[in-house]
């Protein structure tokens, strides 16, 4: 598989994830939330705060997709192991960690405001764990890409 081909596949995956995320965040979540609020009117006051929390959690996800797109552009230019890609991966790592922390704190605050259930908080720990796993993986990849870029630069200087 060539770099251009790999880049095209990765771009297609990023576009697919973007479309799926948009459908989930901006269509399915509001629809299911509205249905839950109508089915349980005593909890309808929780709909808007939860929707705001979930929509705000989408921002780091879309920023990570943007940096992923920039990485695929570099891969298409046959520049996979570059310091620039290492920086993008580091940014993705930070975004994933921030999003996980934000989601946990938002869940905790909503629990304290009596707009959340302890069971939801416990189940959301899986989401936070997944975010931390993404953060650690992106940080490890960033480190490896940085080391590979350094080795590549050293080899370019030798005759």
Protein backbone atom coordinates (compact mmCIF):
# COMPACT_ATOMS: atom_id res chain seq x y z
CA UNK A 1 0.00 0.00 0.00
CA UNK A 2 1.42 3.37 -1.00
CA UNK A 3 1.50 6.42 1.21
CA UNK A 4 -1.10 8.14 -1.01
CA UNK A 5 -3.39 5.11 -0.80
CA UNK A 6 -2.98 4.88 2.98
CA UNK A 7 -3.65 8.60 3.30
CA UNK A 8 -6.82 8.27 1.23
CA UNK A 9 -8.10 5.39 3.35
CA UNK A 10 -7.37 7.27 6.57
CA UNK A 11 -9.10 10.39 5.25
CA UNK A 12 -12.15 8.28 4.36
CA UNK A 13 -12.20 6.85 7.87
CA UNK A 14 -11.93 10.32 9.40
CA UNK A 15 -14.80 11.58 7.22
CA UNK A 16 -16.87 8.54 8.23
CA UNK A 17 -16.17 9.12 11.92
CA UNK A 18 -17.05 12.80 11.51
CA UNK A 19 -20.38 11.96 9.87
CA UNK A 20 -21.21 9.29 12.47
CA UNK A 21 -20.27 11.65 15.30
CA UNK A 22 -22.42 14.41 13.85
CA UNK A 23 -25.41 12.08 13.58
CA UNK A 24 -24.90 10.83 17.14
CA UNK A 25 -24.18 14.18 18.79
CA UNK A 26 -26.65 16.37 16.95
CA UNK A 27 -29.48 14.02 15.99
CA UNK A 28 -29.64 10.84 18.09
CA UNK A 29 -28.67 12.28 21.48
CA UNK A 30 -31.21 15.15 21.31
CA UNK A 31 -33.88 12.79 19.95
CA UNK A 32 -33.38 10.15 22.67
CA UNK A 33 -33.05 12.85 25.33
CA UNK A 34 -36.29 14.44 24.23
CA UNK A 35 -38.05 11.06 24.26
CA UNK A 36 -36.71 10.37 27.76
CA UNK A 37 -37.86 13.80 28.94
CA UNK A 38 -41.34 13.22 27.51
CA UNK A 39 -41.57 9.73 28.99
CA UNK A 40 -40.40 10.98 32.40
CA UNK A 41 -41.60 14.58 32.83
CA UNK A 42 -40.16 14.71 36.35
CA UNK A 43 -36.68 14.58 34.79
CA UNK A 44 -37.32 17.03 31.94
CA UNK A 45 -35.32 19.73 33.78
CA UNK A 46 -32.20 17.58 33.22
CA UNK A 47 -32.48 17.58 29.43
CA UNK A 48 -30.88 20.96 28.63
CA UNK A 49 -27.92 20.67 31.03
CA UNK A 50 -27.12 17.17 29.83
CA UNK A 51 -27.41 18.21 26.20
CA UNK A 52 -25.01 21.10 26.83
CA UNK A 53 -22.53 18.77 28.57
CA UNK A 54 -22.63 16.28 25.72
CA UNK A 55 -22.37 18.92 23.00
CA UNK A 56 -19.44 20.55 24.75
CA UNK A 57 -17.72 17.18 24.94
CA UNK A 58 -17.93 17.02 21.14
CA UNK A 59 -15.56 19.97 20.68
CA UNK A 60 -12.34 18.13 21.67
CA UNK A 61 -13.42 15.13 19.60
CA UNK A 62 -13.76 17.22 16.46
CA UNK A 63 -10.46 18.99 17.18
CA UNK A 64 -8.80 15.57 17.45
CA UNK A 65 -10.30 14.62 14.09
CA UNK A 66 -8.90 17.84 12.62
CA UNK A 67 -5.40 16.98 13.88
CA UNK A 68 -5.88 13.43 12.58
CA UNK A 69 -6.68 14.90 9.17
CA UNK A 70 -3.47 16.95 9.28
CA UNK A 71 -1.54 13.77 10.09
CA UNK A 72 -3.06 12.00 7.08
CA UNK A 73 -2.05 14.90 4.86
CA UNK A 74 1.55 14.49 6.04
CA UNK A 75 1.34 10.73 5.44
CA UNK A 76 0.16 11.45 1.88
CA UNK A 77 3.25 13.64 1.41
CA UNK A 78 5.42 10.65 2.46
CA UNK A 79 6.28 12.50 5.65
CA UNK A 80 4.89 10.01 8.19
CA UNK A 81 7.67 10.32 10.74
CA UNK A 82 7.94 14.02 11.33
CA UNK A 83 8.12 16.24 14.37
CA UNK A 84 4.93 17.88 13.13
CA UNK A 85 3.03 14.56 13.31
CA UNK A 86 4.49 13.96 16.77
CA UNK A 87 3.10 17.35 17.87
CA UNK A 88 -0.32 16.57 16.38
CA UNK A 89 -0.42 13.23 18.20
CA UNK A 90 0.56 14.96 21.44
CA UNK A 91 -2.29 17.44 20.94
CA UNK A 92 -4.71 14.57 20.35
CA UNK A 93 -3.46 13.00 23.58
CA UNK A 94 -4.04 16.20 25.54
CA UNK A 95 -7.49 16.68 24.00
CA UNK A 96 -8.53 13.13 24.92
CA UNK A 97 -7.31 13.59 28.47
CA UNK A 98 -9.05 16.96 28.81
CA UNK A 99 -12.29 15.56 27.40
CA UNK A 100 -12.19 12.60 29.79
CA UNK A 101 -11.57 14.86 32.76
CA UNK A 102 -14.27 17.29 31.65
CA UNK A 103 -16.83 14.52 31.19
CA UNK A 104 -16.05 13.05 34.62
CA UNK A 105 -16.30 16.45 36.34
CA UNK A 106 -19.49 17.32 34.47
CA UNK A 107 -21.02 14.00 35.53
CA UNK A 108 -19.98 14.63 39.12
CA UNK A 109 -21.36 18.18 39.14
CA UNK A 110 -24.65 17.03 37.63
CA UNK A 111 -24.81 14.31 40.30
CA UNK A 112 -24.31 16.91 43.03
CA UNK A 113 -27.03 19.07 41.45
CA UNK A 114 -29.37 16.06 41.52
CA UNK A 115 -29.47 15.91 37.71
CA UNK A 116 -27.65 12.59 37.44
CA UNK A 117 -27.94 9.10 38.83
CA UNK A 118 -25.01 7.36 40.55
CA UNK A 119 -25.42 4.45 38.13
CA UNK A 120 -24.94 6.78 35.17
CA UNK A 121 -21.80 8.16 36.82
CA UNK A 122 -20.44 4.63 37.23
CA UNK A 123 -21.31 3.64 33.66
CA UNK A 124 -19.71 6.85 32.35
CA UNK A 125 -16.42 5.72 33.91
CA UNK A 126 -16.12 3.38 30.91
CA UNK A 127 -16.30 6.41 28.61
CA UNK A 128 -13.64 8.18 30.66
CA UNK A 129 -11.47 5.06 30.67
CA UNK A 130 -11.73 4.88 26.87
CA UNK A 131 -10.69 8.54 26.64
CA UNK A 132 -7.69 7.93 28.89
CA UNK A 133 -6.77 4.88 26.79
CA UNK A 134 -6.87 7.05 23.65
CA UNK A 135 -4.76 9.68 25.42
CA UNK A 136 -2.11 7.16 26.48
CA UNK A 137 -2.04 5.55 23.04
CA UNK A 138 -1.70 8.90 21.27
CA UNK A 139 1.06 9.96 23.70
CA UNK A 140 2.95 6.71 23.09
CA UNK A 141 2.57 7.10 19.32
CA UNK A 142 3.74 10.70 19.60
CA UNK A 143 6.86 9.56 21.42
CA UNK A 144 7.56 6.83 18.86
CA UNK A 145 6.99 9.14 15.88
CA UNK A 146 9.28 11.73 17.48
CA UNK A 147 12.04 9.13 17.98
CA UNK A 148 11.60 7.87 14.41
CA UNK A 149 11.77 11.45 13.09
CA UNK A 150 14.99 12.03 15.03
CA UNK A 151 16.53 8.84 13.63
CA UNK A 152 15.36 9.78 10.13
CA UNK A 153 16.96 13.23 10.46
CA UNK A 154 20.23 11.68 11.68
CA UNK A 155 20.27 9.26 8.75
CA UNK A 156 19.67 12.04 6.24
CA UNK A 157 22.79 13.78 7.53
CA UNK A 158 25.03 10.72 7.00
CA UNK A 159 26.51 9.92 3.63
